[in-house]
Amino acid sequence: IYLNIAAWGPAGEFGAQAGARYAFGK
């Protein structure tokens, strides 16, 4: 749950998947 709801980007990216795609494109 933590990895999927944590804020991981500056424009509403939540969760590891959105954060990884935003930061590294993967």
mmCIF file of all heavy atoms, coordinates in Angstrom:
data_MODEL
# 
_entry.id   MODEL 
# 
loop_
_atom_site.group_PDB 
_atom_site.id 
_atom_site.type_symbol 
_atom_site.label_atom_id 
_atom_site.label_alt_id 
_atom_site.label_comp_id 
_atom_site.label_asym_id 
_atom_site.label_entity_id 
_atom_site.label_seq_id 
_atom_site.pdbx_PDB_ins_code 
_atom_site.Cartn_x 
_atom_site.Cartn_y 
_atom_site.Cartn_z 
_atom_site.occupancy 
_atom_site.B_iso_or_equiv 
_atom_site.pdbx_formal_charge 
_atom_site.auth_seq_id 
_atom_site.auth_comp_id 
_atom_site.auth_asym_id 
_atom_site.auth_atom_id 
_atom_site.pdbx_PDB_model_num 
ATOM 1   N N   . ILE A 1 1  ? 0.837  -1.200 0.000   1.00 0.00 ? 1  ILE A N   1 
ATOM 2   C CA  . ILE A 1 1  ? 0.000  0.000  0.000   1.00 0.00 ? 1  ILE A CA  1 
ATOM 3   C C   . ILE A 1 1  ? 0.871  1.249  0.000   1.00 0.00 ? 1  ILE A C   1 
ATOM 4   O O   . ILE A 1 1  ? 0.628  2.191  -0.768  1.00 0.00 ? 1  ILE A O   1 
ATOM 5   C CB  . ILE A 1 1  ? -0.962 -0.003 1.208   1.00 0.00 ? 1  ILE A CB  1 
ATOM 6   C CG1 . ILE A 1 1  ? -2.007 -1.121 1.046   1.00 0.00 ? 1  ILE A CG1 1 
ATOM 7   C CG2 . ILE A 1 1  ? -1.649 1.352  1.363   1.00 0.00 ? 1  ILE A CG2 1 
ATOM 8   C CD1 . ILE A 1 1  ? -2.898 -1.313 2.261   1.00 0.00 ? 1  ILE A CD1 1 
ATOM 9   N N   . TYR A 1 2  ? 1.895  1.249  0.843   1.00 0.00 ? 2  TYR A N   1 
ATOM 10  C CA  . TYR A 1 2  ? 2.769  2.425  0.931   1.00 0.00 ? 2  TYR A CA  1 
ATOM 11  C C   . TYR A 1 2  ? 3.386  2.755  -0.418  1.00 0.00 ? 2  TYR A C   1 
ATOM 12  O O   . TYR A 1 2  ? 3.376  3.912  -0.854  1.00 0.00 ? 2  TYR A O   1 
ATOM 13  C CB  . TYR A 1 2  ? 3.870  2.167  1.953   1.00 0.00 ? 2  TYR A CB  1 
ATOM 14  C CG  . TYR A 1 2  ? 4.825  3.320  2.138   1.00 0.00 ? 2  TYR A CG  1 
ATOM 15  C CD1 . TYR A 1 2  ? 4.456  4.435  2.877   1.00 0.00 ? 2  TYR A CD1 1 
ATOM 16  C CD2 . TYR A 1 2  ? 6.087  3.306  1.567   1.00 0.00 ? 2  TYR A CD2 1 
ATOM 17  C CE1 . TYR A 1 2  ? 5.326  5.509  3.054   1.00 0.00 ? 2  TYR A CE1 1 
ATOM 18  C CE2 . TYR A 1 2  ? 6.963  4.372  1.743   1.00 0.00 ? 2  TYR A CE2 1 
ATOM 19  C CZ  . TYR A 1 2  ? 6.575  5.461  2.479   1.00 0.00 ? 2  TYR A CZ  1 
ATOM 20  O OH  . TYR A 1 2  ? 7.436  6.527  2.634   1.00 0.00 ? 2  TYR A OH  1 
ATOM 21  N N   . LEU A 1 3  ? 3.922  1.747  -1.096  1.00 0.00 ? 3  LEU A N   1 
ATOM 22  C CA  . LEU A 1 3  ? 4.596  1.986  -2.370  1.00 0.00 ? 3  LEU A CA  1 
ATOM 23  C C   . LEU A 1 3  ? 3.626  2.432  -3.457  1.00 0.00 ? 3  LEU A C   1 
ATOM 24  O O   . LEU A 1 3  ? 4.047  3.035  -4.453  1.00 0.00 ? 3  LEU A O   1 
ATOM 25  C CB  . LEU A 1 3  ? 5.335  0.725  -2.821  1.00 0.00 ? 3  LEU A CB  1 
ATOM 26  C CG  . LEU A 1 3  ? 6.502  0.272  -1.946  1.00 0.00 ? 3  LEU A CG  1 
ATOM 27  C CD1 . LEU A 1 3  ? 7.134  -0.995 -2.511  1.00 0.00 ? 3  LEU A CD1 1 
ATOM 28  C CD2 . LEU A 1 3  ? 7.551  1.370  -1.806  1.00 0.00 ? 3  LEU A CD2 1 
ATOM 29  N N   . ASN A 1 4  ? 2.338  2.149  -3.280  1.00 0.00 ? 4  ASN A N   1 
ATOM 30  C CA  . ASN A 1 4  ? 1.353  2.510  -4.294  1.00 0.00 ? 4  ASN A CA  1 
ATOM 31  C C   . ASN A 1 4  ? 0.617  3.821  -4.028  1.00 0.00 ? 4  ASN A C   1 
ATOM 32  O O   . ASN A 1 4  ? -0.068 4.319  -4.928  1.00 0.00 ? 4  ASN A O   1 
ATOM 33  C CB  . ASN A 1 4  ? 0.333  1.380  -4.451  1.00 0.00 ? 4  ASN A CB  1 
ATOM 34  C CG  . ASN A 1 4  ? 0.815  0.289  -5.382  1.00 0.00 ? 4  ASN A CG  1 
ATOM 35  O OD1 . ASN A 1 4  ? 0.813  0.456  -6.607  1.00 0.00 ? 4  ASN A OD1 1 
ATOM 36  N ND2 . ASN A 1 4  ? 1.250  -0.826 -4.820  1.00 0.00 ? 4  ASN A ND2 1 
ATOM 37  N N   . ILE A 1 5  ? 0.743  4.366  -2.820  1.00 0.00 ? 5  ILE A N   1 
ATOM 38  C CA  . ILE A 1 5  ? 0.038  5.628  -2.546  1.00 0.00 ? 5  ILE A CA  1 
ATOM 39  C C   . ILE A 1 5  ? 0.981  6.779  -2.218  1.00 0.00 ? 5  ILE A C   1 
ATOM 40  O O   . ILE A 1 5  ? 0.540  7.925  -2.120  1.00 0.00 ? 5  ILE A O   1 
ATOM 41  C CB  . ILE A 1 5  ? -0.999 5.479  -1.412  1.00 0.00 ? 5  ILE A CB  1 
ATOM 42  C CG1 . ILE A 1 5  ? -0.318 5.182  -0.072  1.00 0.00 ? 5  ILE A CG1 1 
ATOM 43  C CG2 . ILE A 1 5  ? -2.037 4.418  -1.751  1.00 0.00 ? 5  ILE A CG2 1 
ATOM 44  C CD1 . ILE A 1 5  ? -1.272 5.194  1.119   1.00 0.00 ? 5  ILE A CD1 1 
ATOM 45  N N   . ALA A 1 6  ? 2.260  6.489  -2.059  1.00 0.00 ? 6  ALA A N   1 
ATOM 46  C CA  . ALA A 1 6  ? 3.212  7.562  -1.769  1.00 0.00 ? 6  ALA A CA  1 
ATOM 47  C C   . ALA A 1 6  ? 3.285  8.533  -2.944  1.00 0.00 ? 6  ALA A C   1 
ATOM 48  O O   . ALA A 1 6  ? 3.205  8.122  -4.109  1.00 0.00 ? 6  ALA A O   1 
ATOM 49  C CB  . ALA A 1 6  ? 4.595  6.979  -1.492  1.00 0.00 ? 6  ALA A CB  1 
ATOM 50  N N   . ALA A 1 7  ? 3.426  9.818  -2.649  1.00 0.00 ? 7  ALA A N   1 
ATOM 51  C CA  . ALA A 1 7  ? 3.610  10.820 -3.699  1.00 0.00 ? 7  ALA A CA  1 
ATOM 52  C C   . ALA A 1 7  ? 5.039  10.731 -4.213  1.00 0.00 ? 7  ALA A C   1 
ATOM 53  O O   . ALA A 1 7  ? 5.989  10.838 -3.443  1.00 0.00 ? 7  ALA A O   1 
ATOM 54  C CB  . ALA A 1 7  ? 3.324  12.219 -3.146  1.00 0.00 ? 7  ALA A CB  1 
ATOM 55  N N   . TRP A 1 8  ? 5.184  10.538 -5.558  1.00 0.00 ? 8  TRP A N   1 
ATOM 56  C CA  . TRP A 1 8  ? 6.506  10.307 -6.120  1.00 0.00 ? 8  TRP A CA  1 
ATOM 57  C C   . TRP A 1 8  ? 6.781  11.188 -7.324  1.00 0.00 ? 8  TRP A C   1 
ATOM 58  O O   . TRP A 1 8  ? 7.549  10.827 -8.209  1.00 0.00 ? 8  TRP A O   1 
ATOM 59  C CB  . TRP A 1 8  ? 6.675  8.840  -6.493  1.00 0.00 ? 8  TRP A CB  1 
ATOM 60  C CG  . TRP A 1 8  ? 7.708  8.153  -5.652  1.00 0.00 ? 8  TRP A CG  1 
ATOM 61  C CD1 . TRP A 1 8  ? 8.969  8.598  -5.389  1.00 0.00 ? 8  TRP A CD1 1 
ATOM 62  C CD2 . TRP A 1 8  ? 7.564  6.914  -4.952  1.00 0.00 ? 8  TRP A CD2 1 
ATOM 63  N NE1 . TRP A 1 8  ? 9.629  7.718  -4.564  1.00 0.00 ? 8  TRP A NE1 1 
ATOM 64  C CE2 . TRP A 1 8  ? 8.798  6.674  -4.279  1.00 0.00 ? 8  TRP A CE2 1 
ATOM 65  C CE3 . TRP A 1 8  ? 6.542  5.984  -4.845  1.00 0.00 ? 8  TRP A CE3 1 
ATOM 66  C CZ2 . TRP A 1 8  ? 9.020  5.540  -3.510  1.00 0.00 ? 8  TRP A CZ2 1 
ATOM 67  C CZ3 . TRP A 1 8  ? 6.769  4.862  -4.078  1.00 0.00 ? 8  TRP A CZ3 1 
ATOM 68  C CH2 . TRP A 1 8  ? 7.984  4.649  -3.423  1.00 0.00 ? 8  TRP A CH2 1 
ATOM 69  N N   . GLY A 1 9  ? 6.143  12.340 -7.347  1.00 0.00 ? 9  GLY A N   1 
ATOM 70  C CA  . GLY A 1 9  ? 6.385  13.272 -8.439  1.00 0.00 ? 9  GLY A CA  1 
ATOM 71  C C   . GLY A 1 9  ? 5.792  14.630 -8.120  1.00 0.00 ? 9  GLY A C   1 
ATOM 72  O O   . GLY A 1 9  ? 4.970  14.749 -7.206  1.00 0.00 ? 9  GLY A O   1 
ATOM 73  N N   . PRO A 1 10 ? 6.178  15.652 -8.860  1.00 0.00 ? 10 PRO A N   1 
ATOM 74  C CA  . PRO A 1 10 ? 5.751  17.016 -8.535  1.00 0.00 ? 10 PRO A CA  1 
ATOM 75  C C   . PRO A 1 10 ? 4.367  17.388 -9.045  1.00 0.00 ? 10 PRO A C   1 
ATOM 76  O O   . PRO A 1 10 ? 3.834  18.425 -8.685  1.00 0.00 ? 10 PRO A O   1 
ATOM 77  C CB  . PRO A 1 10 ? 6.816  17.864 -9.248  1.00 0.00 ? 10 PRO A CB  1 
ATOM 78  C CG  . PRO A 1 10 ? 7.204  17.043 -10.436 1.00 0.00 ? 10 PRO A CG  1 
ATOM 79  C CD  . PRO A 1 10 ? 7.131  15.612 -9.978  1.00 0.00 ? 10 PRO A CD  1 
ATOM 80  N N   . ALA A 1 11 ? 3.766  16.534 -9.890  1.00 0.00 ? 11 ALA A N   1 
ATOM 81  C CA  . ALA A 1 11 ? 2.502  16.921 -10.519 1.00 0.00 ? 11 ALA A CA  1 
ATOM 82  C C   . ALA A 1 11 ? 1.464  15.806 -10.404 1.00 0.00 ? 11 ALA A C   1 
ATOM 83  O O   . ALA A 1 11 ? 0.814  15.441 -11.380 1.00 0.00 ? 11 ALA A O   1 
ATOM 84  C CB  . ALA A 1 11 ? 2.742  17.277 -11.987 1.00 0.00 ? 11 ALA A CB  1 
ATOM 85  N N   . GLY A 1 12 ? 1.324  15.252 -9.206  1.00 0.00 ? 12 GLY A N   1 
ATOM 86  C CA  . GLY A 1 12 ? 0.285  14.262 -8.975  1.00 0.00 ? 12 GLY A CA  1 
ATOM 87  C C   . GLY A 1 12 ? 0.657  12.846 -9.334  1.00 0.00 ? 12 GLY A C   1 
ATOM 88  O O   . GLY A 1 12 ? -0.228 12.026 -9.558  1.00 0.00 ? 12 GLY A O   1 
ATOM 89  N N   . GLU A 1 13 ? 1.954  12.532 -9.382  1.00 0.00 ? 13 GLU A N   1 
ATOM 90  C CA  . GLU A 1 13 ? 2.390  11.153 -9.620  1.00 0.00 ? 13 GLU A CA  1 
ATOM 91  C C   . GLU A 1 13 ? 2.392  10.397 -8.287  1.00 0.00 ? 13 GLU A C   1 
ATOM 92  O O   . GLU A 1 13 ? 3.173  10.714 -7.398  1.00 0.00 ? 13 GLU A O   1 
ATOM 93  C CB  . GLU A 1 13 ? 3.782  11.116 -10.247 1.00 0.00 ? 13 GLU A CB  1 
ATOM 94  C CG  . GLU A 1 13 ? 3.861  11.652 -11.661 1.00 0.00 ? 13 GLU A CG  1 
ATOM 95  C CD  . GLU A 1 13 ? 4.023  13.157 -11.731 1.00 0.00 ? 13 GLU A CD  1 
ATOM 96  O OE1 . GLU A 1 13 ? 4.246  13.761 -10.661 1.00 0.00 ? 13 GLU A OE1 1 
ATOM 97  O OE2 . GLU A 1 13 ? 3.922  13.738 -12.819 1.00 0.00 ? 13 GLU A OE2 1 
ATOM 98  N N   . PHE A 1 14 ? 1.530  9.422  -8.184  1.00 0.00 ? 14 PHE A N   1 
ATOM 99  C CA  . PHE A 1 14 ? 1.411  8.637  -6.956  1.00 0.00 ? 14 PHE A CA  1 
ATOM 100 C C   . PHE A 1 14 ? 1.755  7.177  -7.248  1.00 0.00 ? 14 PHE A C   1 
ATOM 101 O O   . PHE A 1 14 ? 1.341  6.620  -8.259  1.00 0.00 ? 14 PHE A O   1 
ATOM 102 C CB  . PHE A 1 14 ? -0.008 8.713  -6.388  1.00 0.00 ? 14 PHE A CB  1 
ATOM 103 C CG  . PHE A 1 14 ? -0.349 10.048 -5.788  1.00 0.00 ? 14 PHE A CG  1 
ATOM 104 C CD1 . PHE A 1 14 ? -0.861 11.056 -6.584  1.00 0.00 ? 14 PHE A CD1 1 
ATOM 105 C CD2 . PHE A 1 14 ? -0.153 10.286 -4.436  1.00 0.00 ? 14 PHE A CD2 1 
ATOM 106 C CE1 . PHE A 1 14 ? -1.183 12.299 -6.033  1.00 0.00 ? 14 PHE A CE1 1 
ATOM 107 C CE2 . PHE A 1 14 ? -0.464 11.519 -3.879  1.00 0.00 ? 14 PHE A CE2 1 
ATOM 108 C CZ  . PHE A 1 14 ? -0.976 12.533 -4.685  1.00 0.00 ? 14 PHE A CZ  1 
ATOM 109 N N   . GLY A 1 15 ? 2.485  6.579  -6.331  1.00 0.00 ? 15 GLY A N   1 
ATOM 110 C CA  . GLY A 1 15 ? 2.821  5.178  -6.460  1.00 0.00 ? 15 GLY A CA  1 
ATOM 111 C C   . GLY A 1 15 ? 4.109  4.947  -7.222  1.00 0.00 ? 15 GLY A C   1 
ATOM 112 O O   . GLY A 1 15 ? 4.567  5.777  -8.015  1.00 0.00 ? 15 GLY A O   1 
ATOM 113 N N   . ALA A 1 16 ? 4.680  3.770  -6.983  1.00 0.00 ? 16 ALA A N   1 
ATOM 114 C CA  . ALA A 1 16 ? 5.979  3.436  -7.562  1.00 0.00 ? 16 ALA A CA  1 
ATOM 115 C C   . ALA A 1 16 ? 5.947  3.389  -9.079  1.00 0.00 ? 16 ALA A C   1 
ATOM 116 O O   . ALA A 1 16 ? 6.910  3.791  -9.744  1.00 0.00 ? 16 ALA A O   1 
ATOM 117 C CB  . ALA A 1 16 ? 6.439  2.088  -7.004  1.00 0.00 ? 16 ALA A CB  1 
ATOM 118 N N   . GLN A 1 17 ? 4.845  2.902  -9.652  1.00 0.00 ? 17 GLN A N   1 
ATOM 119 C CA  . GLN A 1 17 ? 4.788  2.771  -11.102 1.00 0.00 ? 17 GLN A CA  1 
ATOM 120 C C   . GLN A 1 17 ? 4.803  4.143  -11.783 1.00 0.00 ? 17 GLN A C   1 
ATOM 121 O O   . GLN A 1 17 ? 5.589  4.382  -12.707 1.00 0.00 ? 17 GLN A O   1 
ATOM 122 C CB  . GLN A 1 17 ? 3.533  1.987  -11.514 1.00 0.00 ? 17 GLN A CB  1 
ATOM 123 C CG  . GLN A 1 17 ? 3.438  1.651  -12.983 1.00 0.00 ? 17 GLN A CG  1 
ATOM 124 C CD  . GLN A 1 17 ? 4.342  0.511  -13.390 1.00 0.00 ? 17 GLN A CD  1 
ATOM 125 O OE1 . GLN A 1 17 ? 5.277  0.142  -12.674 1.00 0.00 ? 17 GLN A OE1 1 
ATOM 126 N NE2 . GLN A 1 17 ? 4.088  -0.062 -14.555 1.00 0.00 ? 17 GLN A NE2 1 
ATOM 127 N N   . ALA A 1 18 ? 3.959  5.042  -11.322 1.00 0.00 ? 18 ALA A N   1 
ATOM 128 C CA  . ALA A 1 18 ? 3.929  6.387  -11.903 1.00 0.00 ? 18 ALA A CA  1 
ATOM 129 C C   . ALA A 1 18 ? 5.227  7.123  -11.624 1.00 0.00 ? 18 ALA A C   1 
ATOM 130 O O   . ALA A 1 18 ? 5.742  7.849  -12.485 1.00 0.00 ? 18 ALA A O   1 
ATOM 131 C CB  . ALA A 1 18 ? 2.738  7.176  -11.337 1.00 0.00 ? 18 ALA A CB  1 
ATOM 132 N N   . GLY A 1 19 ? 5.781  6.920  -10.410 1.00 0.00 ? 19 GLY A N   1 
ATOM 133 C CA  . GLY A 1 19 ? 7.034  7.579  -10.070 1.00 0.00 ? 19 GLY A CA  1 
ATOM 134 C C   . GLY A 1 19 ? 8.189  7.105  -10.921 1.00 0.00 ? 19 GLY A C   1 
ATOM 135 O O   . GLY A 1 19 ? 9.023  7.891  -11.372 1.00 0.00 ? 19 GLY A O   1 
ATOM 136 N N   . ALA A 1 20 ? 8.271  5.787  -11.164 1.00 0.00 ? 20 ALA A N   1 
ATOM 137 C CA  . ALA A 1 20 ? 9.354  5.234  -11.978 1.00 0.00 ? 20 ALA A CA  1 
ATOM 138 C C   . ALA A 1 20 ? 9.230  5.678  -13.426 1.00 0.00 ? 20 ALA A C   1 
ATOM 139 O O   . ALA A 1 20 ? 10.240 5.995  -14.080 1.00 0.00 ? 20 ALA A O   1 
ATOM 140 C CB  . ALA A 1 20 ? 9.338  3.709  -11.894 1.00 0.00 ? 20 ALA A CB  1 
ATOM 141 N N   . ARG A 1 21 ? 8.016  5.718  -13.931 1.00 0.00 ? 21 ARG A N   1 
ATOM 142 C CA  . ARG A 1 21 ? 7.831  6.154  -15.321 1.00 0.00 ? 21 ARG A CA  1 
ATOM 143 C C   . ARG A 1 21 ? 8.157  7.635  -15.479 1.00 0.00 ? 21 ARG A C   1 
ATOM 144 O O   . ARG A 1 21 ? 8.748  8.049  -16.486 1.00 0.00 ? 21 ARG A O   1 
ATOM 145 C CB  . ARG A 1 21 ? 6.404  5.861  -15.781 1.00 0.00 ? 21 ARG A CB  1 
ATOM 146 C CG  . ARG A 1 21 ? 6.116  4.368  -15.891 1.00 0.00 ? 21 ARG A CG  1 
ATOM 147 C CD  . ARG A 1 21 ? 5.018  4.068  -16.882 1.00 0.00 ? 21 ARG A CD  1 
ATOM 148 N NE  . ARG A 1 21 ? 4.781  2.634  -17.000 1.00 0.00 ? 21 ARG A NE  1 
ATOM 149 C CZ  . ARG A 1 21 ? 5.507  1.797  -17.726 1.00 0.00 ? 21 ARG A CZ  1 
ATOM 150 N NH1 . ARG A 1 21 ? 6.552  2.262  -18.387 1.00 0.00 ? 21 ARG A NH1 1 
ATOM 151 N NH2 . ARG A 1 21 ? 5.206  0.512  -17.783 1.00 0.00 ? 21 ARG A NH2 1 
ATOM 152 N N   . TYR A 1 22 ? 7.786  8.441  -14.477 1.00 0.00 ? 22 TYR A N   1 
ATOM 153 C CA  . TYR A 1 22 ? 8.090  9.863  -14.550 1.00 0.00 ? 22 TYR A CA  1 
ATOM 154 C C   . TYR A 1 22 ? 9.594  10.115 -14.468 1.00 0.00 ? 22 TYR A C   1 
ATOM 155 O O   . TYR A 1 22 ? 10.156 10.902 -15.234 1.00 0.00 ? 22 TYR A O   1 
ATOM 156 C CB  . TYR A 1 22 ? 7.389  10.618 -13.423 1.00 0.00 ? 22 TYR A CB  1 
ATOM 157 C CG  . TYR A 1 22 ? 7.822  12.064 -13.327 1.00 0.00 ? 22 TYR A CG  1 
ATOM 158 C CD1 . TYR A 1 22 ? 7.321  13.018 -14.210 1.00 0.00 ? 22 TYR A CD1 1 
ATOM 159 C CD2 . TYR A 1 22 ? 8.767  12.478 -12.379 1.00 0.00 ? 22 TYR A CD2 1 
ATOM 160 C CE1 . TYR A 1 22 ? 7.739  14.337 -14.149 1.00 0.00 ? 22 TYR A CE1 1 
ATOM 161 C CE2 . TYR A 1 22 ? 9.189  13.790 -12.321 1.00 0.00 ? 22 TYR A CE2 1 
ATOM 162 C CZ  . TYR A 1 22 ? 8.667  14.716 -13.203 1.00 0.00 ? 22 TYR A CZ  1 
ATOM 163 O OH  . TYR A 1 22 ? 9.090  16.017 -13.139 1.00 0.00 ? 22 TYR A OH  1 
ATOM 164 N N   . ALA A 1 23 ? 10.264 9.442  -13.538 1.00 0.00 ? 23 ALA A N   1 
ATOM 165 C CA  . ALA A 1 23 ? 11.688 9.710  -13.291 1.00 0.00 ? 23 ALA A CA  1 
ATOM 166 C C   . ALA A 1 23 ? 12.601 9.053  -14.321 1.00 0.00 ? 23 ALA A C   1 
ATOM 167 O O   . ALA A 1 23 ? 13.587 9.654  -14.766 1.00 0.00 ? 23 ALA A O   1 
ATOM 168 C CB  . ALA A 1 23 ? 12.076 9.250  -11.885 1.00 0.00 ? 23 ALA A CB  1 
ATOM 169 N N   . PHE A 1 24 ? 12.278 7.806  -14.719 1.00 0.00 ? 24 PHE A N   1 
ATOM 170 C CA  . PHE A 1 24 ? 13.227 7.039  -15.529 1.00 0.00 ? 24 PHE A CA  1 
ATOM 171 C C   . PHE A 1 24 ? 12.631 6.463  -16.807 1.00 0.00 ? 24 PHE A C   1 
ATOM 172 O O   . PHE A 1 24 ? 13.338 5.797  -17.564 1.00 0.00 ? 24 PHE A O   1 
ATOM 173 C CB  . PHE A 1 24 ? 13.802 5.883  -14.687 1.00 0.00 ? 24 PHE A CB  1 
ATOM 174 C CG  . PHE A 1 24 ? 14.356 6.325  -13.357 1.00 0.00 ? 24 PHE A CG  1 
ATOM 175 C CD1 . PHE A 1 24 ? 13.734 5.944  -12.169 1.00 0.00 ? 24 PHE A CD1 1 
ATOM 176 C CD2 . PHE A 1 24 ? 15.477 7.135  -13.284 1.00 0.00 ? 24 PHE A CD2 1 
ATOM 177 C CE1 . PHE A 1 24 ? 14.237 6.351  -10.939 1.00 0.00 ? 24 PHE A CE1 1 
ATOM 178 C CE2 . PHE A 1 24 ? 15.982 7.547  -12.060 1.00 0.00 ? 24 PHE A CE2 1 
ATOM 179 C CZ  . PHE A 1 24 ? 15.356 7.158  -10.889 1.00 0.00 ? 24 PHE A CZ  1 
ATOM 180 N N   . GLY A 1 25 ? 11.333 6.689  -17.030 1.00 0.00 ? 25 GLY A N   1 
ATOM 181 C CA  . GLY A 1 25 ? 10.709 6.185  -18.246 1.00 0.00 ? 25 GLY A CA  1 
ATOM 182 C C   . GLY A 1 25 ? 10.639 4.673  -18.297 1.00 0.00 ? 25 GLY A C   1 
ATOM 183 O O   . GLY A 1 25 ? 10.721 4.079  -19.377 1.00 0.00 ? 25 GLY A O   1 
ATOM 184 N N   . LYS A 1 26 ? 10.506 4.031  -17.146 1.00 0.00 ? 26 LYS A N   1 
ATOM 185 C CA  . LYS A 1 26 ? 10.462 2.573  -17.098 1.00 0.00 ? 26 LYS A CA  1 
ATOM 186 C C   . LYS A 1 26 ? 9.495  2.108  -16.037 1.00 0.00 ? 26 LYS A C   1 
ATOM 187 O O   . LYS A 1 26 ? 9.023  2.898  -15.200 1.00 0.00 ? 26 LYS A O   1 
ATOM 188 C CB  . LYS A 1 26 ? 11.855 2.004  -16.827 1.00 0.00 ? 26 LYS A CB  1 
ATOM 189 C CG  . LYS A 1 26 ? 12.456 2.436  -15.475 1.00 0.00 ? 26 LYS A CG  1 
ATOM 190 C CD  . LYS A 1 26 ? 13.710 1.653  -15.131 1.00 0.00 ? 26 LYS A CD  1 
ATOM 191 C CE  . LYS A 1 26 ? 14.837 1.851  -16.116 1.00 0.00 ? 26 LYS A CE  1 
ATOM 192 N NZ  . LYS A 1 26 ? 16.080 1.153  -15.667 1.00 0.00 ? 26 LYS A NZ  1 
# 
